[in-house]
Amino acid sequence: MLWTILILTAIGLVCAVLITLTFRFLPKEPESLKKAEAINANLPGMNCGACGYPGCFAYAQALSTDKKVFFSNTCATVLQDERMLSGLENSLDMKVDKSALNKKAVVACSGNCGNVGSYTGVESCKTASKLLSGFKRCPYSCLGLGDCIKVCPSNAIRINIRTKVAVVDPDRCTGCGLCVAECPRNIISLVPADTKVVFLCSYKDVRDIPGREKCESGCIGCRKCYKTCPNEAIIWNRETAMPEFDQSKCTGCGECIAACPHGKIVMLSDVARKIKE
């Protein structure tokens, strides 16, 4: 019995010495790693990649070395969560202006575009686009097969039953940008959340695809919106023959909306209503 006690005591002493030596001589956890862990505790943990990094911890590591990363690669989910945003501000010792960073996604197509043929393949916009650039007459039209819906983490996108195009509900959208990257037609963009009017057409005459043309409900280049705006908030782009909007000058008066003969200009706040039409 005595020998057993002595052996166990010796083993315990050896282990204690080894633990002490390990703690004293092995490298300590880097301060940057500790900071990254603290930052990561205030991130959603979704690992969606919308911030441009492969996961939340990779994003936290980038923030730990340069907090300016947040302003160039904003995590939209953090912006919508006051608790996470407050924790991140404390971890990074900074103040975030939500109004300046908050974005909303807009699909620049209002639909009603005819088909040039039938499509019975995989229900995917990317797949359909690879087959003769899609089955719609307009090369810039939404194909309505829902690739953007599948990647939206906030369930903010629906297909309008009447127009067969995707519509983003600005009330639900967090501005993560995943739908922007997913759209093979490049017709989804992020706009500031305080944007007043949006233009729902993406056709550009500079792109010439045989057998394709602007849909009958698209922008006709009449310039009525440009001529009507009392605040010079609309610029006419001669290269694309399309209007461009300076939101800093726009007052939301609605003159351009009333002037557009095809209803291509709408208030951002009214976009959600189009889902239910």
C-alpha atoms as a PDB file:
ATOM      1  CA  MET A   1       0.000   0.000   0.000  1.00  0.00           C
ATOM      2  CA  LEU A   2       2.846   2.367   0.909  1.00  0.00           C
ATOM      3  CA  TRP A   3       4.554   1.757  -2.423  1.00  0.00           C
ATOM      4  CA  THR A   4       1.328   2.478  -4.255  1.00  0.00           C
ATOM      5  CA  ILE A   5       0.969   5.802  -2.463  1.00  0.00           C
ATOM      6  CA  LEU A   6       4.584   6.736  -3.161  1.00  0.00           C
ATOM      7  CA  ILE A   7       4.286   5.858  -6.865  1.00  0.00           C
ATOM      8  CA  LEU A   8       1.070   7.861  -7.295  1.00  0.00           C
ATOM      9  CA  THR A   9       2.615  10.798  -5.440  1.00  0.00           C
ATOM     10  CA  ALA A  10       5.700  10.653  -7.679  1.00  0.00           C
ATOM     11  CA  ILE A  11       3.528  10.565 -10.803  1.00  0.00           C
ATOM     12  CA  GLY A  12       1.577  13.560  -9.505  1.00  0.00           C
ATOM     13  CA  LEU A  13       4.774  15.511  -8.827  1.00  0.00           C
ATOM     14  CA  VAL A  14       6.172  14.733 -12.287  1.00  0.00           C
ATOM     15  CA  CYS A  15       2.922  15.852 -13.941  1.00  0.00           C
ATOM     16  CA  ALA A  16       2.912  19.050 -11.870  1.00  0.00           C
ATOM     17  CA  VAL A  17       6.501  19.807 -12.926  1.00  0.00           C
ATOM     18  CA  LEU A  18       5.683  19.139 -16.587  1.00  0.00           C
ATOM     19  CA  ILE A  19       2.598  21.390 -16.452  1.00  0.00           C
ATOM     20  CA  THR A  20       4.613  24.169 -14.802  1.00  0.00           C
ATOM     21  CA  LEU A  21       7.380  23.922 -17.396  1.00  0.00           C
ATOM     22  CA  THR A  22       4.865  23.835 -20.234  1.00  0.00           C
ATOM     23  CA  PHE A  23       3.037  26.907 -18.958  1.00  0.00           C
ATOM     24  CA  ARG A  24       6.331  28.793 -18.467  1.00  0.00           C
ATOM     25  CA  PHE A  25       8.167  27.987 -21.688  1.00  0.00           C
ATOM     26  CA  LEU A  26       5.506  27.368 -24.361  1.00  0.00           C
ATOM     27  CA  PRO A  27       4.474  30.455 -26.392  1.00  0.00           C
ATOM     28  CA  LYS A  28       1.539  32.381 -24.960  1.00  0.00           C
ATOM     29  CA  GLU A  29      -1.636  32.906 -26.949  1.00  0.00           C
ATOM     30  CA  PRO A  30      -1.042  35.936 -29.215  1.00  0.00           C
ATOM     31  CA  GLU A  31      -2.882  39.091 -28.169  1.00  0.00           C
ATOM     32  CA  SER A  32      -4.260  39.407 -31.698  1.00  0.00           C
ATOM     33  CA  LEU A  33      -5.865  35.968 -31.341  1.00  0.00           C
ATOM     34  CA  LYS A  34      -7.432  36.970 -28.038  1.00  0.00           C
ATOM     35  CA  LYS A  35      -8.787  40.113 -29.655  1.00  0.00           C
ATOM     36  CA  ALA A  36     -10.126  38.141 -32.622  1.00  0.00           C
ATOM     37  CA  GLU A  37     -11.937  35.791 -30.241  1.00  0.00           C
ATOM     38  CA  ALA A  38     -13.507  38.769 -28.438  1.00  0.00           C
ATOM     39  CA  ILE A  39     -14.603  40.274 -31.749  1.00  0.00           C
ATOM     40  CA  ASN A  40     -15.933  36.948 -33.004  1.00  0.00           C
ATOM     41  CA  ALA A  41     -18.198  36.749 -29.944  1.00  0.00           C
ATOM     42  CA  ASN A  42     -20.061  39.752 -31.372  1.00  0.00           C
ATOM     43  CA  LEU A  43     -20.494  38.322 -34.868  1.00  0.00           C
ATOM     44  CA  PRO A  44     -23.501  36.254 -36.000  1.00  0.00           C
ATOM     45  CA  GLY A  45     -21.584  33.006 -36.600  1.00  0.00           C
ATOM     46  CA  MET A  46     -23.451  32.396 -39.865  1.00  0.00           C
ATOM     47  CA  ASN A  47     -20.244  32.048 -41.928  1.00  0.00           C
ATOM     48  CA  CYS A  48     -22.207  33.251 -44.960  1.00  0.00           C
ATOM     49  CA  GLY A  49     -19.222  34.934 -46.639  1.00  0.00           C
ATOM     50  CA  ALA A  50     -21.154  38.112 -47.490  1.00  0.00           C
ATOM     51  CA  CYS A  51     -18.437  40.204 -45.821  1.00  0.00           C
ATOM     52  CA  GLY A  52     -15.883  38.884 -48.298  1.00  0.00           C
ATOM     53  CA  TYR A  53     -14.151  36.543 -45.838  1.00  0.00           C
ATOM     54  CA  PRO A  54     -14.546  32.735 -45.686  1.00  0.00           C
ATOM     55  CA  GLY A  55     -16.145  32.839 -42.248  1.00  0.00           C
ATOM     56  CA  CYS A  56     -16.906  34.962 -39.211  1.00  0.00           C
ATOM     57  CA  PHE A  57     -13.630  34.132 -37.429  1.00  0.00           C
ATOM     58  CA  ALA A  58     -11.571  35.045 -40.505  1.00  0.00           C
ATOM     59  CA  TYR A  59     -13.478  38.324 -40.581  1.00  0.00           C
ATOM     60  CA  ALA A  60     -12.794  38.809 -36.860  1.00  0.00           C
ATOM     61  CA  GLN A  61      -9.070  38.231 -37.442  1.00  0.00           C
ATOM     62  CA  ALA A  62      -9.045  40.894 -40.149  1.00  0.00           C
ATOM     63  CA  LEU A  63     -10.866  43.308 -37.839  1.00  0.00           C
ATOM     64  CA  SER A  64      -8.413  42.597 -35.027  1.00  0.00           C
ATOM     65  CA  THR A  65      -5.574  44.020 -37.108  1.00  0.00           C
ATOM     66  CA  ASP A  66      -7.512  46.821 -38.851  1.00  0.00           C
ATOM     67  CA  LYS A  67     -10.915  47.979 -37.668  1.00  0.00           C
ATOM     68  CA  LYS A  68     -11.377  49.976 -40.894  1.00  0.00           C
ATOM     69  CA  VAL A  69     -12.145  46.626 -42.522  1.00  0.00           C
ATOM     70  CA  PHE A  70     -15.652  46.918 -41.074  1.00  0.00           C
ATOM     71  CA  PHE A  71     -16.408  50.005 -43.155  1.00  0.00           C
ATOM     72  CA  SER A  72     -15.207  48.461 -46.418  1.00  0.00           C
ATOM     73  CA  ASN A  73     -16.599  44.979 -45.705  1.00  0.00           C
ATOM     74  CA  THR A  74     -19.607  45.644 -43.517  1.00  0.00           C
ATOM     75  CA  CYS A  75     -21.383  42.737 -41.852  1.00  0.00           C
ATOM     76  CA  ALA A  76     -25.033  43.494 -42.619  1.00  0.00           C
ATOM     77  CA  THR A  77     -26.329  41.186 -39.887  1.00  0.00           C
ATOM     78  CA  VAL A  78     -24.389  43.089 -37.218  1.00  0.00           C
ATOM     79  CA  LEU A  79     -25.909  46.355 -38.446  1.00  0.00           C
ATOM     80  CA  GLN A  80     -29.390  44.966 -37.834  1.00  0.00           C
ATOM     81  CA  ASP A  81     -28.643  43.664 -34.334  1.00  0.00           C
ATOM     82  CA  GLU A  82     -28.162  46.360 -31.696  1.00  0.00           C
ATOM     83  CA  ARG A  83     -26.572  43.957 -29.199  1.00  0.00           C
ATOM     84  CA  MET A  84     -23.961  42.677 -31.638  1.00  0.00           C
ATOM     85  CA  LEU A  85     -23.259  46.161 -32.992  1.00  0.00           C
ATOM     86  CA  SER A  86     -22.782  47.582 -29.498  1.00  0.00           C
ATOM     87  CA  GLY A  87     -20.462  44.702 -28.552  1.00  0.00           C
ATOM     88  CA  LEU A  88     -18.433  45.150 -31.721  1.00  0.00           C
ATOM     89  CA  GLU A  89     -18.124  48.882 -31.126  1.00  0.00           C
ATOM     90  CA  ASN A  90     -16.784  48.192 -27.637  1.00  0.00           C
ATOM     91  CA  SER A  91     -14.369  45.501 -28.855  1.00  0.00           C
ATOM     92  CA  LEU A  92     -12.967  47.733 -31.590  1.00  0.00           C
ATOM     93  CA  ASP A  93     -13.263  51.019 -29.687  1.00  0.00           C
ATOM     94  CA  MET A  94     -15.130  52.739 -32.491  1.00  0.00           C
ATOM     95  CA  LYS A  95     -18.513  54.241 -33.310  1.00  0.00           C
ATOM     96  CA  VAL A  96     -20.586  53.063 -36.287  1.00  0.00           C
ATOM     97  CA  ASP A  97     -23.031  55.262 -38.186  1.00  0.00           C
ATOM     98  CA  LYS A  98     -25.678  52.745 -39.226  1.00  0.00           C
ATOM     99  CA  SER A  99     -27.444  55.155 -41.561  1.00  0.00           C
ATOM    100  CA  ALA A 100     -24.312  55.582 -43.668  1.00  0.00           C
ATOM    101  CA  LEU A 101     -23.648  51.843 -44.006  1.00  0.00           C
ATOM    102  CA  ASN A 102     -27.121  50.347 -44.185  1.00  0.00           C
ATOM    103  CA  LYS A 103     -27.949  49.027 -47.674  1.00  0.00           C
ATOM    104  CA  LYS A 104     -30.897  47.463 -49.464  1.00  0.00           C
ATOM    105  CA  ALA A 105     -30.885  45.186 -52.499  1.00  0.00           C
ATOM    106  CA  VAL A 106     -32.896  46.126 -55.584  1.00  0.00           C
ATOM    107  CA  VAL A 107     -33.653  43.982 -58.636  1.00  0.00           C
ATOM    108  CA  ALA A 108     -33.464  46.335 -61.614  1.00  0.00           C
ATOM    109  CA  CYS A 109     -36.127  44.603 -63.687  1.00  0.00           C
ATOM    110  CA  SER A 110     -39.887  44.994 -63.577  1.00  0.00           C
ATOM    111  CA  GLY A 111     -40.727  41.962 -65.692  1.00  0.00           C
ATOM    112  CA  ASN A 112     -43.321  41.305 -68.381  1.00  0.00           C
ATOM    113  CA  CYS A 113     -40.583  40.335 -70.821  1.00  0.00           C
ATOM    114  CA  GLY A 114     -41.516  37.786 -73.472  1.00  0.00           C
ATOM    115  CA  ASN A 115     -39.667  34.509 -74.043  1.00  0.00           C
ATOM    116  CA  VAL A 116     -37.659  33.571 -77.112  1.00  0.00           C
ATOM    117  CA  GLY A 117     -38.143  29.897 -76.368  1.00  0.00           C
ATOM    118  CA  SER A 118     -39.225  27.419 -73.739  1.00  0.00           C
ATOM    119  CA  TYR A 119     -36.954  26.262 -70.949  1.00  0.00           C
ATOM    120  CA  THR A 120     -37.428  22.945 -69.182  1.00  0.00           C
ATOM    121  CA  GLY A 121     -34.014  22.463 -67.625  1.00  0.00           C
ATOM    122  CA  VAL A 122     -32.722  22.794 -64.080  1.00  0.00           C
ATOM    123  CA  GLU A 123     -34.575  25.477 -62.105  1.00  0.00           C
ATOM    124  CA  SER A 124     -31.560  27.730 -61.850  1.00  0.00           C
ATOM    125  CA  CYS A 125     -30.878  31.165 -63.325  1.00  0.00           C
ATOM    126  CA  LYS A 126     -27.181  30.325 -63.689  1.00  0.00           C
ATOM    127  CA  THR A 127     -27.951  27.158 -65.613  1.00  0.00           C
ATOM    128  CA  ALA A 128     -30.539  28.842 -67.843  1.00  0.00           C
ATOM    129  CA  SER A 129     -28.167  31.736 -68.587  1.00  0.00           C
ATOM    130  CA  LYS A 130     -25.582  29.334 -69.996  1.00  0.00           C
ATOM    131  CA  LEU A 131     -28.058  28.119 -72.592  1.00  0.00           C
ATOM    132  CA  LEU A 132     -28.119  30.785 -75.324  1.00  0.00           C
ATOM    133  CA  SER A 133     -27.955  33.550 -72.661  1.00  0.00           C
ATOM    134  CA  GLY A 134     -31.296  32.613 -71.183  1.00  0.00           C
ATOM    135  CA  PHE A 135     -34.819  32.229 -72.494  1.00  0.00           C
ATOM    136  CA  LYS A 136     -36.031  35.833 -72.157  1.00  0.00           C
ATOM    137  CA  ARG A 137     -36.180  38.330 -75.002  1.00  0.00           C
ATOM    138  CA  CYS A 138     -34.255  40.962 -73.050  1.00  0.00           C
ATOM    139  CA  PRO A 139     -30.658  39.953 -72.210  1.00  0.00           C
ATOM    140  CA  TYR A 140     -30.957  41.929 -68.963  1.00  0.00           C
ATOM    141  CA  SER A 141     -34.224  40.488 -67.730  1.00  0.00           C
ATOM    142  CA  CYS A 142     -34.702  38.558 -64.514  1.00  0.00           C
ATOM    143  CA  LEU A 143     -35.169  34.866 -65.290  1.00  0.00           C
ATOM    144  CA  GLY A 144     -37.202  34.359 -62.137  1.00  0.00           C
ATOM    145  CA  LEU A 145     -35.837  30.909 -61.259  1.00  0.00           C
ATOM    146  CA  GLY A 146     -34.920  31.928 -57.739  1.00  0.00           C
ATOM    147  CA  ASP A 147     -31.137  31.581 -57.323  1.00  0.00           C
ATOM    148  CA  CYS A 148     -31.220  34.782 -55.260  1.00  0.00           C
ATOM    149  CA  ILE A 149     -34.008  33.416 -53.064  1.00  0.00           C
ATOM    150  CA  LYS A 150     -31.934  30.374 -52.135  1.00  0.00           C
ATOM    151  CA  VAL A 151     -29.033  32.442 -50.795  1.00  0.00           C
ATOM    152  CA  CYS A 152     -31.032  35.147 -48.993  1.00  0.00           C
ATOM    153  CA  PRO A 153     -30.575  34.620 -45.223  1.00  0.00           C
ATOM    154  CA  SER A 154     -33.441  36.947 -44.275  1.00  0.00           C
ATOM    155  CA  ASN A 155     -36.173  35.519 -46.520  1.00  0.00           C
ATOM    156  CA  ALA A 156     -36.542  38.929 -48.176  1.00  0.00           C
ATOM    157  CA  ILE A 157     -36.963  37.853 -51.799  1.00  0.00           C
ATOM    158  CA  ARG A 158     -40.064  36.578 -53.573  1.00  0.00           C
ATOM    159  CA  ILE A 159     -41.012  35.910 -57.180  1.00  0.00           C
ATOM    160  CA  ASN A 160     -43.823  38.193 -58.337  1.00  0.00           C
ATOM    161  CA  ILE A 161     -46.492  35.838 -59.680  1.00  0.00           C
ATOM    162  CA  ARG A 162     -47.673  38.287 -62.327  1.00  0.00           C
ATOM    163  CA  THR A 163     -44.355  39.602 -63.668  1.00  0.00           C
ATOM    164  CA  LYS A 164     -42.274  36.446 -62.995  1.00  0.00           C
ATOM    165  CA  VAL A 165     -39.345  38.425 -61.597  1.00  0.00           C
ATOM    166  CA  ALA A 166     -37.628  38.528 -58.222  1.00  0.00           C
ATOM    167  CA  VAL A 167     -38.590  41.357 -55.890  1.00  0.00           C
ATOM    168  CA  VAL A 168     -36.698  42.278 -52.704  1.00  0.00           C
ATOM    169  CA  ASP A 169     -38.702  43.395 -49.688  1.00  0.00           C
ATOM    170  CA  PRO A 170     -36.703  46.368 -48.325  1.00  0.00           C
ATOM    171  CA  ASP A 171     -38.284  45.918 -44.908  1.00  0.00           C
ATOM    172  CA  ARG A 172     -36.733  42.449 -44.590  1.00  0.00           C
ATOM    173  CA  CYS A 173     -33.511  42.988 -46.551  1.00  0.00           C
ATOM    174  CA  THR A 174     -30.352  43.406 -44.456  1.00  0.00           C
ATOM    175  CA  GLY A 175     -28.153  44.395 -47.380  1.00  0.00           C
ATOM    176  CA  CYS A 176     -25.793  41.432 -47.044  1.00  0.00           C
ATOM    177  CA  GLY A 177     -25.191  41.356 -50.808  1.00  0.00           C
ATOM    178  CA  LEU A 178     -25.348  37.583 -51.269  1.00  0.00           C
ATOM    179  CA  CYS A 179     -28.060  37.944 -53.900  1.00  0.00           C
ATOM    180  CA  VAL A 180     -25.924  40.476 -55.796  1.00  0.00           C
ATOM    181  CA  ALA A 181     -23.100  37.967 -56.123  1.00  0.00           C
ATOM    182  CA  GLU A 182     -25.488  35.127 -57.017  1.00  0.00           C
ATOM    183  CA  CYS A 183     -27.367  36.812 -59.885  1.00  0.00           C
ATOM    184  CA  PRO A 184     -25.885  35.728 -63.250  1.00  0.00           C
ATOM    185  CA  ARG A 185     -27.599  38.651 -65.027  1.00  0.00           C
ATOM    186  CA  ASN A 186     -25.939  41.245 -62.779  1.00  0.00           C
ATOM    187  CA  ILE A 187     -29.218  43.105 -62.326  1.00  0.00           C
ATOM    188  CA  ILE A 188     -29.264  43.174 -58.517  1.00  0.00           C
ATOM    189  CA  SER A 189     -27.453  45.983 -56.746  1.00  0.00           C
ATOM    190  CA  LEU A 190     -27.159  47.451 -53.263  1.00  0.00           C
ATOM    191  CA  VAL A 191     -28.414  50.980 -52.705  1.00  0.00           C
ATOM    192  CA  PRO A 192     -28.304  53.146 -49.566  1.00  0.00           C
ATOM    193  CA  ALA A 193     -31.230  52.361 -47.260  1.00  0.00           C
ATOM    194  CA  ASP A 194     -32.372  55.990 -47.432  1.00  0.00           C
ATOM    195  CA  THR A 195     -32.652  55.860 -51.246  1.00  0.00           C
ATOM    196  CA  LYS A 196     -35.916  57.442 -52.322  1.00  0.00           C
ATOM    197  CA  VAL A 197     -36.488  56.295 -55.913  1.00  0.00           C
ATOM    198  CA  VAL A 198     -35.175  53.265 -57.793  1.00  0.00           C
ATOM    199  CA  PHE A 199     -35.029  52.511 -61.508  1.00  0.00           C
ATOM    200  CA  LEU A 200     -36.336  49.082 -62.489  1.00  0.00           C
ATOM    201  CA  CYS A 201     -34.709  48.487 -65.847  1.00  0.00           C
ATOM    202  CA  SER A 202     -31.194  47.307 -66.733  1.00  0.00           C
ATOM    203  CA  TYR A 203     -31.235  47.307 -70.534  1.00  0.00           C
ATOM    204  CA  LYS A 204     -28.190  48.824 -72.202  1.00  0.00           C
ATOM    205  CA  ASP A 205     -28.105  49.403 -75.945  1.00  0.00           C
ATOM    206  CA  VAL A 206     -24.349  48.912 -75.916  1.00  0.00           C
ATOM    207  CA  ARG A 207     -24.818  45.174 -75.543  1.00  0.00           C
ATOM    208  CA  ASP A 208     -25.819  43.731 -78.892  1.00  0.00           C
ATOM    209  CA  ILE A 209     -26.984  40.129 -78.784  1.00  0.00           C
ATOM    210  CA  PRO A 210     -28.508  38.758 -82.013  1.00  0.00           C
ATOM    211  CA  GLY A 211     -32.139  37.832 -81.565  1.00  0.00           C
ATOM    212  CA  ARG A 212     -32.493  39.787 -78.324  1.00  0.00           C
ATOM    213  CA  GLU A 213     -34.081  43.160 -77.761  1.00  0.00           C
ATOM    214  CA  LYS A 214     -35.501  45.436 -75.128  1.00  0.00           C
ATOM    215  CA  CYS A 215     -38.827  44.219 -73.748  1.00  0.00           C
ATOM    216  CA  GLU A 216     -41.977  46.176 -74.536  1.00  0.00           C
ATOM    217  CA  SER A 217     -42.283  47.402 -70.954  1.00  0.00           C
ATOM    218  CA  GLY A 218     -38.662  48.556 -70.623  1.00  0.00           C
ATOM    219  CA  CYS A 219     -37.244  52.058 -70.568  1.00  0.00           C
ATOM    220  CA  ILE A 220     -37.775  53.687 -73.983  1.00  0.00           C
ATOM    221  CA  GLY A 221     -35.221  56.455 -73.498  1.00  0.00           C
ATOM    222  CA  CYS A 222     -37.774  59.233 -73.733  1.00  0.00           C
ATOM    223  CA  ARG A 223     -35.918  61.331 -71.128  1.00  0.00           C
ATOM    224  CA  LYS A 224     -39.165  62.518 -69.574  1.00  0.00           C
ATOM    225  CA  CYS A 225     -37.850  61.737 -66.096  1.00  0.00           C
ATOM    226  CA  TYR A 226     -34.678  63.688 -66.820  1.00  0.00           C
ATOM    227  CA  LYS A 227     -36.576  66.691 -68.159  1.00  0.00           C
ATOM    228  CA  THR A 228     -39.182  66.649 -65.395  1.00  0.00           C
ATOM    229  CA  CYS A 229     -36.927  66.458 -62.299  1.00  0.00           C
ATOM    230  CA  PRO A 230     -37.017  69.871 -60.591  1.00  0.00           C
ATOM    231  CA  ASN A 231     -33.879  69.181 -58.550  1.00  0.00           C
ATOM    232  CA  GLU A 232     -31.457  68.065 -61.273  1.00  0.00           C
ATOM    233  CA  ALA A 233     -31.186  64.747 -59.469  1.00  0.00           C
ATOM    234  CA  ILE A 234     -31.329  62.747 -62.712  1.00  0.00           C
ATOM    235  CA  ILE A 235     -28.370  62.491 -65.062  1.00  0.00           C
ATOM    236  CA  TRP A 236     -28.808  61.130 -68.576  1.00  0.00           C
ATOM    237  CA  ASN A 237     -26.095  58.621 -69.454  1.00  0.00           C
ATOM    238  CA  ARG A 238     -25.634  58.922 -73.205  1.00  0.00           C
ATOM    239  CA  GLU A 239     -23.550  55.769 -73.468  1.00  0.00           C
ATOM    240  CA  THR A 240     -26.239  53.530 -71.992  1.00  0.00           C
ATOM    241  CA  ALA A 241     -29.206  55.741 -72.957  1.00  0.00           C
ATOM    242  CA  MET A 242     -30.457  55.328 -69.389  1.00  0.00           C
ATOM    243  CA  PRO A 243     -31.090  57.705 -66.500  1.00  0.00           C
ATOM    244  CA  GLU A 244     -28.871  57.763 -63.432  1.00  0.00           C
ATOM    245  CA  PHE A 245     -30.036  59.110 -60.088  1.00  0.00           C
ATOM    246  CA  ASP A 246     -28.178  61.361 -57.673  1.00  0.00           C
ATOM    247  CA  GLN A 247     -29.810  60.428 -54.374  1.00  0.00           C
ATOM    248  CA  SER A 248     -28.153  63.365 -52.588  1.00  0.00           C
ATOM    249  CA  LYS A 249     -30.263  65.731 -54.684  1.00  0.00           C
ATOM    250  CA  CYS A 250     -33.429  63.646 -54.839  1.00  0.00           C
ATOM    251  CA  THR A 251     -36.218  64.887 -52.569  1.00  0.00           C
ATOM    252  CA  GLY A 252     -38.666  62.116 -53.388  1.00  0.00           C
ATOM    253  CA  CYS A 253     -41.110  64.549 -54.964  1.00  0.00           C
ATOM    254  CA  GLY A 254     -42.366  61.844 -57.346  1.00  0.00           C
ATOM    255  CA  GLU A 255     -42.304  63.969 -60.512  1.00  0.00           C
ATOM    256  CA  CYS A 256     -40.131  61.433 -62.349  1.00  0.00           C
ATOM    257  CA  ILE A 257     -42.398  58.592 -61.250  1.00  0.00           C
ATOM    258  CA  ALA A 258     -45.433  60.324 -62.716  1.00  0.00           C
ATOM    259  CA  ALA A 259     -43.555  61.181 -65.910  1.00  0.00           C
ATOM    260  CA  CYS A 260     -42.285  57.671 -66.723  1.00  0.00           C
ATOM    261  CA  PRO A 261     -44.663  56.179 -69.326  1.00  0.00           C
ATOM    262  CA  HIS A 262     -43.739  52.575 -68.468  1.00  0.00           C
ATOM    263  CA  GLY A 263     -43.567  52.889 -64.692  1.00  0.00           C
ATOM    264  CA  LYS A 264     -39.866  52.022 -64.482  1.00  0.00           C
ATOM    265  CA  ILE A 265     -39.291  54.427 -61.596  1.00  0.00           C
ATOM    266  CA  VAL A 266     -40.798  53.655 -58.192  1.00  0.00           C
ATOM    267  CA  MET A 267     -40.302  54.654 -54.580  1.00  0.00           C
ATOM    268  CA  LEU A 268     -38.062  52.211 -52.721  1.00  0.00           C
ATOM    269  CA  SER A 269     -40.667  52.102 -49.966  1.00  0.00           C
ATOM    270  CA  ASP A 270     -43.236  50.854 -52.512  1.00  0.00           C
ATOM    271  CA  VAL A 271     -41.119  47.965 -53.801  1.00  0.00           C
ATOM    272  CA  ALA A 272     -42.450  45.600 -51.123  1.00  0.00           C
ATOM    273  CA  ARG A 273     -45.958  46.194 -52.457  1.00  0.00           C
ATOM    274  CA  LYS A 274     -44.914  44.757 -55.830  1.00  0.00           C
ATOM    275  CA  ILE A 275     -44.460  41.347 -54.236  1.00  0.00           C
ATOM    276  CA  LYS A 276     -48.196  41.199 -53.536  1.00  0.00           C
ATOM    277  CA  GLU A 277     -49.385  42.490 -56.916  1.00  0.00           C
END
